[in-house]
């Protein structure tokens, strides 16, 4: 869940969760066992020991400043993850369903349900306590962090893996003779050196015991709920920006939310001024004068002058052209080349619409509004 709400501010407090995904794995129950299909509204059955994922028709009860149920939708020609107002269809987890009833009308049509189980608690507890025994930046601390954050994603992996390999002519023709076992995706003819082949191995058993998309998806659903309840539903502070497990807010959070425990928050830094141009596009200056920046796709974000970055808040300053080196590989020529590339930095409206004042200065954002899954309002706002 990455969204920008307010494009500019001062004295901003930046908080991160301590291992957000592992904390949800520790706290909650997950879908396990056989997959069962249902048709109709499963919520009328009150199955307390059941986890379900359903197709739903959703409508916001009123236009929310920060809607939080997310869907995939085509914005500006590309598929994006947005949190809209209005009416739309989506796949929803039961956990997010019950967490959003105060703001949304939701009708469940059909879906799948499972038994529930606590499957990660001991694992997360052991690895997290092991991590705390080593200083931040050490190899063991980093290894434990990877083990905590990577496990859930294994359940969501595509069971069909692509293999890339070099083959002699004889080996390649043997591979093509086994078409019932291998699906060849692409072939690069290296002439006297043979072939470079991308292929899939076909598993006819259709049994993938190490994959359960419902589990991986449930972890991220629980994490979205934690971020929503901590930041998006609150009204006693300004909320500038969210990025998966962090929030940028206008005042310190209550002390009971802060700590070193799993799932608690820690204050990363305080920005005396910050500019947000869109998701993964921000720059701030700490009280100590350190530059904190993220520009997706551009390696040297901290080298951008802050005032130039800030100038893009003016609607008349369309973009800023930056230069950086990018690496390009060529398997056919067996080489890697480095080329100077232009990166065009500009405000993005891929997830929310920008709001400008009468001086053409960006002062806020507004959620897209859908009507039966189609954009209802798509114009710039001025105040």
Protein backbone atom coordinates (compact mmCIF):
# COMPACT_ATOMS: atom_id res chain seq x y z
CA UNK A 1 0.00 0.00 0.00
CA UNK A 2 1.95 3.00 -1.31
CA UNK A 3 0.14 6.32 -1.62
CA UNK A 4 0.90 10.05 -1.47
CA UNK A 5 -1.73 12.27 0.14
CA UNK A 6 -0.14 15.67 0.82
CA UNK A 7 2.69 16.84 -1.50
CA UNK A 8 4.54 19.20 0.83
CA UNK A 9 5.03 19.71 4.53
CA UNK A 10 7.33 20.67 7.38
CA UNK A 11 8.22 19.01 10.68
CA UNK A 12 7.20 15.54 9.48
CA UNK A 13 7.67 12.44 11.65
CA UNK A 14 8.58 9.24 9.80
CA UNK A 15 7.69 5.92 11.44
CA UNK A 16 8.43 2.33 10.39
CA UNK A 17 6.86 -0.87 11.68
CA UNK A 18 9.18 -3.41 13.24
CA UNK A 19 8.85 -6.33 10.79
CA UNK A 20 5.28 -5.62 9.68
CA UNK A 21 4.73 -8.78 7.60
CA UNK A 22 6.30 -11.13 10.18
CA UNK A 23 4.22 -9.47 12.92
CA UNK A 24 1.00 -10.33 11.09
CA UNK A 25 2.29 -13.87 10.57
CA UNK A 26 2.81 -14.08 14.34
CA UNK A 27 -0.53 -12.58 15.41
CA UNK A 28 -3.18 -13.92 13.06
CA UNK A 29 -4.80 -17.13 11.81
CA UNK A 30 -4.32 -18.19 8.19
CA UNK A 31 -6.20 -20.25 5.57
CA UNK A 32 -5.15 -23.91 5.70
CA UNK A 33 -6.44 -27.27 4.57
CA UNK A 34 -8.76 -27.97 1.67
CA UNK A 35 -10.11 -25.25 -0.62
CA UNK A 36 -13.92 -25.06 -0.56
CA UNK A 37 -16.04 -23.06 -2.98
CA UNK A 38 -19.12 -21.06 -1.97
CA UNK A 39 -21.80 -19.14 -3.91
CA UNK A 40 -23.74 -16.31 -2.29
CA UNK A 41 -23.08 -14.23 0.83
CA UNK A 42 -20.95 -16.33 3.19
CA UNK A 43 -21.14 -13.68 5.94
CA UNK A 44 -24.68 -14.75 6.90
CA UNK A 45 -23.31 -18.10 8.12
CA UNK A 46 -21.15 -16.56 10.87
CA UNK A 47 -18.37 -19.13 10.45
CA UNK A 48 -15.91 -17.92 13.10
CA UNK A 49 -13.32 -20.61 12.34
CA UNK A 50 -13.37 -19.95 8.58
CA UNK A 51 -11.13 -17.80 6.40
CA UNK A 52 -12.63 -16.76 3.08
CA UNK A 53 -11.68 -14.77 -0.03
CA UNK A 54 -14.59 -13.58 -2.14
CA UNK A 55 -15.72 -11.71 -5.21
CA UNK A 56 -17.45 -8.55 -4.02
CA UNK A 57 -19.40 -5.52 -5.19
CA UNK A 58 -18.20 -2.54 -3.19
CA UNK A 59 -19.40 1.02 -2.69
CA UNK A 60 -18.06 3.74 -0.41
CA UNK A 61 -20.74 5.08 1.95
CA UNK A 62 -19.38 8.58 1.28
CA UNK A 63 -16.35 10.02 -0.47
CA UNK A 64 -13.40 9.21 1.78
CA UNK A 65 -10.34 11.42 2.05
CA UNK A 66 -8.18 8.30 2.27
CA UNK A 67 -10.06 5.27 0.92
CA UNK A 68 -8.17 2.10 1.73
CA UNK A 69 -9.65 -0.88 -0.14
CA UNK A 70 -7.38 -1.45 -3.13
CA UNK A 71 -8.05 -2.71 -6.66
CA UNK A 72 -6.15 -3.00 -9.93
CA UNK A 73 -7.36 -0.43 -12.45
CA UNK A 74 -6.10 1.05 -15.69
CA UNK A 75 -4.93 4.64 -15.08
CA UNK A 76 -3.24 6.68 -17.81
CA UNK A 77 -2.96 3.59 -19.97
CA UNK A 78 -1.30 1.32 -17.39
CA UNK A 79 -2.59 -1.10 -14.78
CA UNK A 80 -2.20 0.46 -11.32
CA UNK A 81 -3.10 -0.39 -7.74
CA UNK A 82 -5.48 2.33 -6.53
CA UNK A 83 -7.80 2.91 -3.58
CA UNK A 84 -10.84 4.62 -5.15
CA UNK A 85 -14.12 6.10 -3.99
CA UNK A 86 -17.37 5.15 -5.66
CA UNK A 87 -18.54 1.70 -6.77
CA UNK A 88 -16.36 -1.13 -8.04
CA UNK A 89 -15.83 -4.88 -7.90
CA UNK A 90 -12.88 -6.59 -6.23
CA UNK A 91 -11.59 -9.72 -4.61
CA UNK A 92 -11.62 -9.19 -0.85
CA UNK A 93 -10.27 -11.05 2.17
CA UNK A 94 -12.61 -11.63 5.10
CA UNK A 95 -10.18 -9.74 7.34
CA UNK A 96 -10.40 -6.60 5.20
CA UNK A 97 -14.15 -7.06 4.80
CA UNK A 98 -14.83 -6.85 8.54
CA UNK A 99 -12.29 -4.02 8.98
CA UNK A 100 -13.99 -1.79 6.39
CA UNK A 101 -17.73 -2.10 7.08
CA UNK A 102 -17.86 1.33 8.76
CA UNK A 103 -16.87 3.02 5.46
CA UNK A 104 -18.03 0.64 2.71
CA UNK A 105 -21.15 -1.23 1.64
CA UNK A 106 -19.99 -4.65 0.49
CA UNK A 107 -21.94 -7.48 -1.13
CA UNK A 108 -20.19 -10.85 -1.34
CA UNK A 109 -21.14 -12.90 -4.43
CA UNK A 110 -18.97 -16.03 -4.36
CA UNK A 111 -15.51 -17.24 -3.46
CA UNK A 112 -13.48 -19.80 -1.54
CA UNK A 113 -13.20 -20.65 2.13
CA UNK A 114 -10.72 -22.54 4.29
CA UNK A 115 -10.19 -23.72 7.83
CA UNK A 116 -7.87 -21.50 9.90
CA UNK A 117 -4.64 -22.23 11.68
CA UNK A 118 -1.73 -20.53 13.41
CA UNK A 119 1.17 -21.72 11.26
CA UNK A 120 3.91 -19.10 11.64
CA UNK A 121 3.91 -18.10 15.32
CA UNK A 122 6.76 -20.29 16.62
CA UNK A 123 8.90 -19.69 13.53
CA UNK A 124 8.56 -15.90 13.71
CA UNK A 125 9.10 -15.84 17.47
CA UNK A 126 12.33 -17.87 17.27
CA UNK A 127 13.86 -16.03 14.31
CA UNK A 128 12.92 -12.57 15.61
CA UNK A 129 14.44 -13.25 19.04
CA UNK A 130 17.58 -14.58 17.33
CA UNK A 131 17.78 -11.40 15.25
CA UNK A 132 17.66 -9.22 18.38
CA UNK A 133 20.84 -10.90 19.64
CA UNK A 134 22.89 -9.33 16.83
CA UNK A 135 23.53 -5.64 16.05
CA UNK A 136 21.80 -3.99 13.13
CA UNK A 137 24.00 -4.25 10.03
CA UNK A 138 25.60 -7.55 11.04
CA UNK A 139 25.42 -10.58 8.76
CA UNK A 140 23.32 -12.62 11.22
CA UNK A 141 20.86 -9.77 11.78
CA UNK A 142 20.45 -9.39 8.03
CA UNK A 143 20.07 -13.15 7.52
CA UNK A 144 17.34 -13.32 10.15
CA UNK A 145 15.59 -10.36 8.52
CA UNK A 146 15.61 -12.14 5.16
CA UNK A 147 14.26 -15.35 6.71
CA UNK A 148 11.43 -13.41 8.37
CA UNK A 149 10.43 -11.35 5.35
CA UNK A 150 10.90 -13.95 2.62
CA UNK A 151 8.99 -16.92 3.97
CA UNK A 152 5.44 -15.75 3.20
CA UNK A 153 6.34 -14.98 -0.43
CA UNK A 154 7.38 -18.58 -1.04
CA UNK A 155 3.74 -19.57 -0.70
CA UNK A 156 2.81 -17.23 -3.55
CA UNK A 157 5.44 -18.31 -6.05
CA UNK A 158 4.50 -19.57 -9.49
CA UNK A 159 5.05 -23.35 -9.33
CA UNK A 160 6.16 -23.32 -12.97
CA UNK A 161 9.77 -22.16 -12.97
CA UNK A 162 11.66 -20.95 -16.02
CA UNK A 163 15.15 -22.38 -16.57
CA UNK A 164 17.84 -20.73 -18.71
CA UNK A 165 20.73 -22.85 -19.96
CA UNK A 166 23.38 -23.31 -22.64
CA UNK A 167 23.10 -26.42 -24.82
CA UNK A 168 25.22 -27.98 -27.52
CA UNK A 169 23.42 -28.76 -30.75
CA UNK A 170 23.07 -32.41 -29.76
CA UNK A 171 21.69 -31.55 -26.29
CA UNK A 172 19.25 -29.02 -27.73
CA UNK A 173 17.73 -31.48 -30.20
CA UNK A 174 17.32 -34.05 -27.42
CA UNK A 175 15.42 -31.39 -25.44
CA UNK A 176 13.07 -30.70 -28.36
CA UNK A 177 12.28 -34.40 -28.63
CA UNK A 178 10.87 -34.31 -25.06
CA UNK A 179 8.16 -31.74 -25.84
CA UNK A 180 5.73 -33.47 -23.46
CA UNK A 181 8.07 -32.65 -20.55
CA UNK A 182 9.47 -29.26 -21.58
CA UNK A 183 7.91 -26.09 -22.96
CA UNK A 184 10.56 -24.08 -24.85
CA UNK A 185 9.95 -20.34 -24.49
CA UNK A 186 12.83 -18.84 -26.49
CA UNK A 187 16.00 -19.93 -28.28
CA UNK A 188 19.12 -17.90 -29.06
CA UNK A 189 21.25 -19.47 -31.78
CA UNK A 190 24.95 -19.07 -30.86
CA UNK A 191 26.03 -20.78 -34.06
CA UNK A 192 29.17 -22.88 -33.42
CA UNK A 193 28.74 -22.37 -29.66
CA UNK A 194 25.31 -24.04 -29.53
CA UNK A 195 22.09 -22.56 -28.18
CA UNK A 196 20.92 -20.49 -25.21
CA UNK A 197 17.43 -21.73 -24.24
CA UNK A 198 14.67 -20.54 -21.88
CA UNK A 199 12.27 -23.36 -21.05
CA UNK A 200 9.70 -24.56 -18.54
CA UNK A 201 9.57 -28.04 -17.07
CA UNK A 202 6.04 -29.44 -17.27
CA UNK A 203 4.86 -31.16 -14.08
CA UNK A 204 1.86 -33.34 -14.93
CA UNK A 205 1.15 -34.22 -11.32
CA UNK A 206 -0.55 -30.82 -10.76
CA UNK A 207 0.38 -31.13 -7.10
CA UNK A 208 2.40 -28.26 -5.67
CA UNK A 209 2.60 -28.85 -1.92
CA UNK A 210 4.81 -25.81 -1.28
CA UNK A 211 2.48 -23.23 -2.83
CA UNK A 212 -0.66 -21.66 -1.34
CA UNK A 213 -1.48 -18.24 -2.76
CA UNK A 214 -4.20 -17.74 -0.13
CA UNK A 215 -1.60 -17.74 2.66
CA UNK A 216 0.73 -15.27 0.94
CA UNK A 217 -2.20 -13.03 0.04
CA UNK A 218 -3.57 -13.14 3.60
CA UNK A 219 -0.25 -11.90 5.01
CA UNK A 220 -0.40 -8.78 2.84
CA UNK A 221 -4.11 -8.26 3.62
CA UNK A 222 -3.40 -8.27 7.36
CA UNK A 223 -0.50 -5.86 6.80
CA UNK A 224 -2.74 -3.44 4.88
CA UNK A 225 -5.15 -3.51 7.83
CA UNK A 226 -2.37 -2.62 10.28
CA UNK A 227 -1.25 0.30 8.10
CA UNK A 228 -4.85 1.47 7.60
CA UNK A 229 -5.80 1.39 11.27
CA UNK A 230 -2.58 3.04 12.42
CA UNK A 231 -2.52 5.86 9.87
CA UNK A 232 -5.35 6.10 7.33
CA UNK A 233 -8.31 5.96 9.70
CA UNK A 234 -6.86 8.51 12.11
CA UNK A 235 -7.96 12.16 12.04
CA UNK A 236 -5.83 13.80 14.75
CA UNK A 237 -2.78 14.28 12.51
CA UNK A 238 -1.96 15.02 8.88
CA UNK A 239 -0.94 11.94 6.93
CA UNK A 240 1.43 12.75 4.08
CA UNK A 241 2.66 9.46 2.67
CA UNK A 242 2.47 5.67 3.10
CA UNK A 243 4.90 3.06 1.78
CA UNK A 244 4.10 -0.58 2.68
CA UNK A 245 5.29 -0.48 6.31
CA UNK A 246 5.90 3.21 7.00
CA UNK A 247 3.98 6.43 7.53
CA UNK A 248 4.87 10.13 7.32
CA UNK A 249 2.78 12.15 9.80
CA UNK A 250 2.57 15.68 11.23
CA UNK A 251 3.02 14.84 14.93
CA UNK A 252 4.49 12.17 17.19
CA UNK A 253 2.41 9.00 17.55
CA UNK A 254 1.14 7.84 20.99
CA UNK A 255 3.82 6.22 23.12
CA UNK A 256 1.91 2.92 23.40
CA UNK A 257 2.49 2.35 19.67
CA UNK A 258 6.27 2.78 19.94
CA UNK A 259 8.78 0.13 20.97
CA UNK A 260 11.24 -2.56 19.90
CA UNK A 261 8.68 -5.34 20.01
CA UNK A 262 7.47 -7.12 16.90
CA UNK A 263 4.82 -5.03 15.15
CA UNK A 264 5.49 -1.86 17.15
CA UNK A 265 6.67 1.34 15.45
CA UNK A 266 9.98 3.16 15.60
CA UNK A 267 10.74 6.77 14.73
CA UNK A 268 13.18 6.71 11.82
CA UNK A 269 13.75 10.47 11.52
CA UNK A 270 12.09 13.88 11.61
CA UNK A 271 12.06 15.88 8.38
CA UNK A 272 12.13 19.64 8.78
CA UNK A 273 10.77 19.83 5.22
CA UNK A 274 9.69 17.25 2.64
CA UNK A 275 8.27 17.11 -0.89
CA UNK A 276 6.22 14.21 -2.31
CA UNK A 277 5.66 14.03 -6.06
CA UNK A 278 3.98 10.62 -6.05
CA UNK A 279 4.48 7.03 -4.85
CA UNK A 280 8.22 6.25 -4.57
CA UNK A 281 9.01 9.90 -5.44
CA UNK A 282 9.95 12.00 -2.43
CA UNK A 283 12.75 14.04 -0.89
CA UNK A 284 13.19 15.43 2.60
CA UNK A 285 15.77 17.15 4.79
CA UNK A 286 16.22 15.95 8.38
CA UNK A 287 16.80 18.31 11.29
CA UNK A 288 20.48 17.34 11.04
CA UNK A 289 20.63 18.37 7.38
CA UNK A 290 20.69 14.85 5.93
CA UNK A 291 18.91 14.27 2.60
CA UNK A 292 16.36 11.42 2.62
CA UNK A 293 15.15 10.65 -0.89
CA UNK A 294 13.59 8.01 -3.11
CA UNK A 295 13.14 8.31 -6.86
CA UNK A 296 12.09 5.00 -8.35
CA UNK A 297 14.29 4.09 -11.32
CA UNK A 298 16.92 6.75 -10.59
CA UNK A 299 20.04 5.70 -8.71
CA UNK A 300 21.40 9.02 -7.45
CA UNK A 301 18.28 10.55 -5.91
CA UNK A 302 20.14 12.31 -3.10
CA UNK A 303 22.18 14.26 -5.68
CA UNK A 304 19.08 16.15 -6.90
CA UNK A 305 19.04 19.71 -5.45
CA UNK A 306 16.14 19.98 -3.02
CA UNK A 307 14.88 23.28 -4.42
CA UNK A 308 14.79 21.84 -7.95
CA UNK A 309 12.83 18.86 -6.66
CA UNK A 310 10.46 21.21 -4.82
CA UNK A 311 9.97 23.37 -7.92
CA UNK A 312 7.98 20.56 -9.55
CA UNK A 313 5.13 21.27 -7.13
CA UNK A 314 4.32 24.16 -9.44
CA UNK A 315 2.04 23.05 -12.24
CA UNK A 316 3.96 25.22 -14.72
CA UNK A 317 7.20 23.29 -14.09
CA UNK A 318 6.27 20.14 -15.94
CA UNK A 319 9.42 18.04 -15.48
CA UNK A 320 13.09 17.92 -14.58
CA UNK A 321 15.49 16.06 -16.89
CA UNK A 322 18.21 14.16 -15.03
CA UNK A 323 21.16 12.11 -16.28
CA UNK A 324 22.33 8.77 -14.91
CA UNK A 325 24.21 5.69 -16.10
CA UNK A 326 22.27 2.51 -16.84
CA UNK A 327 23.65 -0.95 -17.48
CA UNK A 328 22.50 -2.96 -20.51
CA UNK A 329 23.38 -6.59 -21.13
CA UNK A 330 23.52 -8.42 -24.43
CA UNK A 331 23.64 -12.19 -24.32
CA UNK A 332 24.01 -12.30 -28.08
CA UNK A 333 27.16 -10.13 -28.02
CA UNK A 334 28.35 -11.42 -24.63
CA UNK A 335 28.82 -7.95 -23.23
CA UNK A 336 27.48 -5.36 -20.79
CA UNK A 337 27.38 -1.72 -21.85
CA UNK A 338 26.89 1.41 -19.75
CA UNK A 339 24.96 4.25 -21.34
CA UNK A 340 24.08 7.75 -20.24
CA UNK A 341 20.28 7.95 -19.97
CA UNK A 342 17.85 10.79 -19.38
CA UNK A 343 15.42 10.32 -16.48
CA UNK A 344 12.39 12.63 -16.65
CA UNK A 345 11.29 13.50 -13.11
CA UNK A 346 7.72 14.80 -12.74
CA UNK A 347 4.60 14.65 -10.61
CA UNK A 348 2.65 11.43 -11.11
CA UNK A 349 -1.11 10.96 -10.88
CA UNK A 350 -1.12 7.20 -11.28
CA UNK A 351 -2.89 6.59 -7.96
CA UNK A 352 -4.50 9.88 -6.93
CA UNK A 353 -5.31 13.20 -8.62
CA UNK A 354 -3.32 16.27 -7.66
CA UNK A 355 -5.08 19.29 -6.17
CA UNK A 356 -3.70 22.77 -7.03
CA UNK A 357 -4.41 26.20 -5.55
CA UNK A 358 -5.07 29.38 -7.55
CA UNK A 359 -1.30 29.91 -7.85
CA UNK A 360 -0.91 26.51 -9.57
CA UNK A 361 0.86 25.11 -6.52
CA UNK A 362 0.19 21.47 -5.55
CA UNK A 363 -1.39 21.42 -2.10
CA UNK A 364 -3.10 18.02 -1.86
CA UNK A 365 -4.48 14.98 -3.64
CA UNK A 366 -7.89 13.42 -4.20
CA UNK A 367 -8.84 9.80 -4.77
CA UNK A 368 -10.11 8.66 -8.14
CA UNK A 369 -13.84 7.99 -8.18
CA UNK A 370 -15.32 5.02 -10.01
CA UNK A 371 -18.86 4.27 -11.08
CA UNK A 372 -19.36 0.58 -11.79
CA UNK A 373 -15.58 0.12 -12.25
CA UNK A 374 -15.21 3.11 -14.60
CA UNK A 375 -13.63 6.49 -13.89
CA UNK A 376 -16.38 8.90 -12.91
CA UNK A 377 -14.33 12.05 -12.37
CA UNK A 378 -11.04 12.60 -14.13
CA UNK A 379 -10.13 16.27 -14.01
CA UNK A 380 -7.72 18.46 -12.10
CA UNK A 381 -8.85 20.14 -8.92
CA UNK A 382 -8.16 23.72 -7.91
CA UNK A 383 -8.79 25.44 -4.61
